[in-house]
Amino acid sequence: MAYHASMKYLWFVLVVFIFPLNAEIYRWQDESGRIIYSDQFHVDAEIIKITEPASYKPLAIDNLPDVPADEDMQGYEISILSPQENEAIWANDGNLPINIDLQPKLNSKNGDRLIVSLDAMTVGEPQSSMNFTIPIIERGEHTISVSLINKAGVTLATSQTIHFQLHRASVN
């Protein structure tokens, strides 16, 4: 008896789930002239034969930014010399000086520039100097990192993220 009951369920699964996969596609035109496609039969419909599944091939884009050649992708290494990791800095004016070391040297003739990120937000414009000053930072804990970008804006290297605390005197 159990075999007979399980066969009923098997037929039910086949009818409900498998057979609809071979559904027909119908096309007809309504009274206002619109073409309608459906999987439901209509009196005026014709059956559409689909020979290939629909596919999409994206168009080529010609105006992509210049990606640096492998010889331009030297093994750059950026180090933040100051502030140091977990340093507590007293700056009552809120200005933070940043000193950077970059190896090999910055190639500013190619348009390479450095950008500073404070708390994961870019600060100021890209520049070629190894010394930055970020003005008027609020007291508290912050993170800072520096990235090297080429003239197309492609990131060539990024420093480690440095955590620091900025202290400012309270004015009552």
C-alpha atoms as a PDB file:
ATOM      1  CA  MET A   1       0.000   0.000   0.000  1.00  0.00           C
ATOM      2  CA  ALA A   2       2.876   2.385   0.808  1.00  0.00           C
ATOM      3  CA  TYR A   3       4.300   1.828  -2.689  1.00  0.00           C
ATOM      4  CA  HIS A   4       0.968   2.732  -4.317  1.00  0.00           C
ATOM      5  CA  ALA A   5       0.642   5.933  -2.214  1.00  0.00           C
ATOM      6  CA  SER A   6       4.176   7.052  -3.034  1.00  0.00           C
ATOM      7  CA  MET A   7       3.506   6.541  -6.767  1.00  0.00           C
ATOM      8  CA  LYS A   8       0.526   8.890  -6.469  1.00  0.00           C
ATOM      9  CA  TYR A   9       2.808  11.550  -5.015  1.00  0.00           C
ATOM     10  CA  LEU A  10       5.389  10.967  -7.738  1.00  0.00           C
ATOM     11  CA  TRP A  11       2.779  11.488 -10.461  1.00  0.00           C
ATOM     12  CA  PHE A  12       1.523  14.575  -8.663  1.00  0.00           C
ATOM     13  CA  VAL A  13       5.063  16.041  -8.592  1.00  0.00           C
ATOM     14  CA  LEU A  14       5.561  15.257 -12.284  1.00  0.00           C
ATOM     15  CA  VAL A  15       2.272  16.836 -13.313  1.00  0.00           C
ATOM     16  CA  VAL A  16       2.616  19.945 -11.154  1.00  0.00           C
ATOM     17  CA  PHE A  17       6.324  20.704 -11.532  1.00  0.00           C
ATOM     18  CA  ILE A  18       7.765  19.028 -14.610  1.00  0.00           C
ATOM     19  CA  PHE A  19       5.108  19.254 -17.308  1.00  0.00           C
ATOM     20  CA  PRO A  20       4.661  23.050 -17.067  1.00  0.00           C
ATOM     21  CA  LEU A  21       8.312  23.400 -18.083  1.00  0.00           C
ATOM     22  CA  ASN A  22       7.271  22.522 -21.612  1.00  0.00           C
ATOM     23  CA  ALA A  23       4.618  25.241 -21.718  1.00  0.00           C
ATOM     24  CA  GLU A  24       3.822  26.813 -25.066  1.00  0.00           C
ATOM     25  CA  ILE A  25       4.256  30.512 -25.805  1.00  0.00           C
ATOM     26  CA  TYR A  26       1.356  32.218 -27.572  1.00  0.00           C
ATOM     27  CA  ARG A  27       1.246  35.487 -29.506  1.00  0.00           C
ATOM     28  CA  TRP A  28      -1.806  37.453 -30.583  1.00  0.00           C
ATOM     29  CA  GLN A  29      -2.899  40.989 -31.340  1.00  0.00           C
ATOM     30  CA  ASP A  30      -5.574  42.656 -29.220  1.00  0.00           C
ATOM     31  CA  GLU A  31      -8.283  45.100 -30.382  1.00  0.00           C
ATOM     32  CA  SER A  32      -6.000  48.145 -30.010  1.00  0.00           C
ATOM     33  CA  GLY A  33      -3.244  46.582 -32.130  1.00  0.00           C
ATOM     34  CA  ARG A  34      -0.869  45.638 -29.314  1.00  0.00           C
ATOM     35  CA  ILE A  35       1.063  42.386 -29.672  1.00  0.00           C
ATOM     36  CA  ILE A  36       0.642  40.198 -26.598  1.00  0.00           C
ATOM     37  CA  TYR A  37       2.773  37.227 -25.563  1.00  0.00           C
ATOM     38  CA  SER A  38       1.551  34.781 -22.945  1.00  0.00           C
ATOM     39  CA  ASP A  39       1.768  31.227 -21.729  1.00  0.00           C
ATOM     40  CA  GLN A  40      -2.047  31.169 -21.609  1.00  0.00           C
ATOM     41  CA  PHE A  41      -3.982  30.007 -24.680  1.00  0.00           C
ATOM     42  CA  HIS A  42      -6.070  32.614 -26.526  1.00  0.00           C
ATOM     43  CA  VAL A  43      -8.527  31.958 -29.387  1.00  0.00           C
ATOM     44  CA  ASP A  44      -6.658  34.216 -31.860  1.00  0.00           C
ATOM     45  CA  ALA A  45      -3.179  33.115 -30.714  1.00  0.00           C
ATOM     46  CA  GLU A  46      -0.458  31.447 -32.716  1.00  0.00           C
ATOM     47  CA  ILE A  47       2.175  29.222 -31.073  1.00  0.00           C
ATOM     48  CA  ILE A  48       5.685  30.663 -31.020  1.00  0.00           C
ATOM     49  CA  LYS A  49       8.544  28.196 -31.469  1.00  0.00           C
ATOM     50  CA  ILE A  50      11.646  29.130 -29.481  1.00  0.00           C
ATOM     51  CA  THR A  51      14.763  27.515 -30.907  1.00  0.00           C
ATOM     52  CA  GLU A  52      17.454  29.205 -28.782  1.00  0.00           C
ATOM     53  CA  PRO A  53      17.336  30.562 -25.271  1.00  0.00           C
ATOM     54  CA  ALA A  54      17.573  34.322 -24.953  1.00  0.00           C
ATOM     55  CA  SER A  55      21.080  35.617 -24.357  1.00  0.00           C
ATOM     56  CA  TYR A  56      22.765  38.959 -23.934  1.00  0.00           C
ATOM     57  CA  LYS A  57      26.183  40.120 -25.086  1.00  0.00           C
ATOM     58  CA  PRO A  58      27.262  43.509 -23.681  1.00  0.00           C
ATOM     59  CA  LEU A  59      28.587  46.135 -26.047  1.00  0.00           C
ATOM     60  CA  ALA A  60      32.276  46.993 -25.976  1.00  0.00           C
ATOM     61  CA  ILE A  61      33.064  50.315 -24.297  1.00  0.00           C
ATOM     62  CA  ASP A  62      35.799  52.309 -25.995  1.00  0.00           C
ATOM     63  CA  ASN A  63      36.293  55.142 -23.504  1.00  0.00           C
ATOM     64  CA  LEU A  64      37.563  53.222 -20.458  1.00  0.00           C
ATOM     65  CA  PRO A  65      40.192  54.988 -18.318  1.00  0.00           C
ATOM     66  CA  ASP A  66      43.809  54.116 -18.978  1.00  0.00           C
ATOM     67  CA  VAL A  67      44.872  51.157 -16.894  1.00  0.00           C
ATOM     68  CA  PRO A  68      48.552  51.276 -16.036  1.00  0.00           C
ATOM     69  CA  ALA A  69      50.814  48.891 -17.893  1.00  0.00           C
ATOM     70  CA  ASP A  70      52.596  46.256 -15.843  1.00  0.00           C
ATOM     71  CA  GLU A  71      55.843  48.248 -15.966  1.00  0.00           C
ATOM     72  CA  ASP A  72      53.970  51.200 -14.409  1.00  0.00           C
ATOM     73  CA  MET A  73      52.682  48.988 -11.610  1.00  0.00           C
ATOM     74  CA  GLN A  74      55.927  48.983  -9.689  1.00  0.00           C
ATOM     75  CA  GLY A  75      55.843  47.552  -6.195  1.00  0.00           C
ATOM     76  CA  TYR A  76      54.968  50.818  -4.491  1.00  0.00           C
ATOM     77  CA  GLU A  77      54.984  50.893  -0.734  1.00  0.00           C
ATOM     78  CA  ILE A  78      53.424  53.751   1.203  1.00  0.00           C
ATOM     79  CA  SER A  79      54.237  54.278   4.870  1.00  0.00           C
ATOM     80  CA  ILE A  80      52.692  56.884   7.143  1.00  0.00           C
ATOM     81  CA  LEU A  81      55.546  58.186   9.293  1.00  0.00           C
ATOM     82  CA  SER A  82      53.346  60.383  11.445  1.00  0.00           C
ATOM     83  CA  PRO A  83      50.976  60.047  13.106  1.00  0.00           C
ATOM     84  CA  GLN A  84      51.984  56.598  14.333  1.00  0.00           C
ATOM     85  CA  GLU A  85      49.650  53.727  15.178  1.00  0.00           C
ATOM     86  CA  ASN A  86      47.597  54.460  18.340  1.00  0.00           C
ATOM     87  CA  GLU A  87      49.355  57.781  18.906  1.00  0.00           C
ATOM     88  CA  ALA A  88      47.655  60.342  21.126  1.00  0.00           C
ATOM     89  CA  ILE A  89      48.106  63.802  19.591  1.00  0.00           C
ATOM     90  CA  TRP A  90      47.494  67.136  21.303  1.00  0.00           C
ATOM     91  CA  ALA A  91      46.429  69.713  18.709  1.00  0.00           C
ATOM     92  CA  ASN A  92      44.341  72.531  20.158  1.00  0.00           C
ATOM     93  CA  ASP A  93      43.913  74.084  16.712  1.00  0.00           C
ATOM     94  CA  GLY A  94      42.688  70.705  15.362  1.00  0.00           C
ATOM     95  CA  ASN A  95      45.262  70.667  12.538  1.00  0.00           C
ATOM     96  CA  LEU A  96      46.897  67.300  11.887  1.00  0.00           C
ATOM     97  CA  PRO A  97      50.283  67.143  10.124  1.00  0.00           C
ATOM     98  CA  ILE A  98      50.867  63.930   8.150  1.00  0.00           C
ATOM     99  CA  ASN A  99      54.269  62.752   6.888  1.00  0.00           C
ATOM    100  CA  ILE A 100      54.518  60.012   4.270  1.00  0.00           C
ATOM    101  CA  ASP A 101      57.278  57.842   2.839  1.00  0.00           C
ATOM    102  CA  LEU A 102      56.796  56.366  -0.641  1.00  0.00           C
ATOM    103  CA  GLN A 103      59.115  53.826  -2.250  1.00  0.00           C
ATOM    104  CA  PRO A 104      59.993  54.033  -5.099  1.00  0.00           C
ATOM    105  CA  LYS A 105      59.733  57.800  -5.441  1.00  0.00           C
ATOM    106  CA  LEU A 106      56.544  59.435  -6.695  1.00  0.00           C
ATOM    107  CA  ASN A 107      56.461  59.886 -10.493  1.00  0.00           C
ATOM    108  CA  SER A 108      54.591  63.189 -10.644  1.00  0.00           C
ATOM    109  CA  LYS A 109      55.539  63.652 -14.345  1.00  0.00           C
ATOM    110  CA  ASN A 110      53.186  60.751 -15.156  1.00  0.00           C
ATOM    111  CA  GLY A 111      50.420  62.408 -13.160  1.00  0.00           C
ATOM    112  CA  ASP A 112      50.719  60.151 -10.120  1.00  0.00           C
ATOM    113  CA  ARG A 113      49.335  61.755  -6.957  1.00  0.00           C
ATOM    114  CA  LEU A 114      48.697  60.958  -3.309  1.00  0.00           C
ATOM    115  CA  ILE A 115      45.306  61.200  -1.640  1.00  0.00           C
ATOM    116  CA  VAL A 116      44.602  61.115   2.089  1.00  0.00           C
ATOM    117  CA  SER A 117      41.554  59.489   3.649  1.00  0.00           C
ATOM    118  CA  LEU A 118      40.445  60.443   7.156  1.00  0.00           C
ATOM    119  CA  ASP A 119      37.873  58.082   8.658  1.00  0.00           C
ATOM    120  CA  ALA A 120      37.466  56.469   5.192  1.00  0.00           C
ATOM    121  CA  MET A 121      36.581  59.831   3.558  1.00  0.00           C
ATOM    122  CA  THR A 122      38.896  61.501   1.033  1.00  0.00           C
ATOM    123  CA  VAL A 123      40.293  64.771   2.351  1.00  0.00           C
ATOM    124  CA  GLY A 124      41.347  67.541  -0.026  1.00  0.00           C
ATOM    125  CA  GLU A 125      42.669  67.199  -3.549  1.00  0.00           C
ATOM    126  CA  PRO A 126      45.293  64.696  -4.774  1.00  0.00           C
ATOM    127  CA  GLN A 127      48.788  66.137  -4.453  1.00  0.00           C
ATOM    128  CA  SER A 128      52.420  65.236  -5.039  1.00  0.00           C
ATOM    129  CA  SER A 129      53.768  66.369  -1.629  1.00  0.00           C
ATOM    130  CA  MET A 130      54.834  63.841   1.000  1.00  0.00           C
ATOM    131  CA  ASN A 131      53.578  66.174   3.758  1.00  0.00           C
ATOM    132  CA  PHE A 132      49.908  66.960   4.326  1.00  0.00           C
ATOM    133  CA  THR A 133      48.041  68.990   6.908  1.00  0.00           C
ATOM    134  CA  ILE A 134      44.424  68.172   7.539  1.00  0.00           C
ATOM    135  CA  PRO A 135      42.733  71.213   9.078  1.00  0.00           C
ATOM    136  CA  ILE A 136      40.246  71.366  11.941  1.00  0.00           C
ATOM    137  CA  ILE A 137      39.746  67.759  12.987  1.00  0.00           C
ATOM    138  CA  GLU A 138      37.347  67.130  15.836  1.00  0.00           C
ATOM    139  CA  ARG A 139      38.705  65.536  18.990  1.00  0.00           C
ATOM    140  CA  GLY A 140      38.368  61.790  19.287  1.00  0.00           C
ATOM    141  CA  GLU A 141      39.556  58.568  17.707  1.00  0.00           C
ATOM    142  CA  HIS A 142      40.248  58.602  13.957  1.00  0.00           C
ATOM    143  CA  THR A 143      41.769  56.525  11.171  1.00  0.00           C
ATOM    144  CA  ILE A 144      43.960  57.706   8.339  1.00  0.00           C
ATOM    145  CA  SER A 145      45.307  56.094   5.157  1.00  0.00           C
ATOM    146  CA  VAL A 146      47.092  57.320   2.031  1.00  0.00           C
ATOM    147  CA  SER A 147      46.653  56.033  -1.529  1.00  0.00           C
ATOM    148  CA  LEU A 148      48.750  56.515  -4.654  1.00  0.00           C
ATOM    149  CA  ILE A 149      46.678  57.085  -7.794  1.00  0.00           C
ATOM    150  CA  ASN A 150      47.637  57.576 -11.425  1.00  0.00           C
ATOM    151  CA  LYS A 151      46.281  60.318 -13.706  1.00  0.00           C
ATOM    152  CA  ALA A 152      43.246  58.155 -14.584  1.00  0.00           C
ATOM    153  CA  GLY A 153      42.372  57.807 -10.892  1.00  0.00           C
ATOM    154  CA  VAL A 154      43.360  54.137 -10.675  1.00  0.00           C
ATOM    155  CA  THR A 155      44.752  53.219  -7.258  1.00  0.00           C
ATOM    156  CA  LEU A 156      48.324  51.927  -7.518  1.00  0.00           C
ATOM    157  CA  ALA A 157      49.006  51.396  -3.790  1.00  0.00           C
ATOM    158  CA  THR A 158      47.458  52.095  -0.400  1.00  0.00           C
ATOM    159  CA  SER A 159      49.096  52.423   3.000  1.00  0.00           C
ATOM    160  CA  GLN A 160      48.057  50.573   6.105  1.00  0.00           C
ATOM    161  CA  THR A 161      45.306  52.286   8.069  1.00  0.00           C
ATOM    162  CA  ILE A 162      46.636  54.148  11.098  1.00  0.00           C
ATOM    163  CA  HIS A 163      44.494  54.660  14.220  1.00  0.00           C
ATOM    164  CA  PHE A 164      45.132  57.726  16.376  1.00  0.00           C
ATOM    165  CA  GLN A 165      43.437  59.902  18.973  1.00  0.00           C
ATOM    166  CA  LEU A 166      43.272  63.671  18.682  1.00  0.00           C
ATOM    167  CA  HIS A 167      43.039  65.654  21.922  1.00  0.00           C
ATOM    168  CA  ARG A 168      41.986  69.300  22.108  1.00  0.00           C
ATOM    169  CA  ALA A 169      41.654  71.506  25.141  1.00  0.00           C
ATOM    170  CA  SER A 170      38.098  72.164  26.263  1.00  0.00           C
ATOM    171  CA  VAL A 171      36.959  75.750  26.498  1.00  0.00           C
ATOM    172  CA  ASN A 172      34.324  76.292  29.173  1.00  0.00           C
END
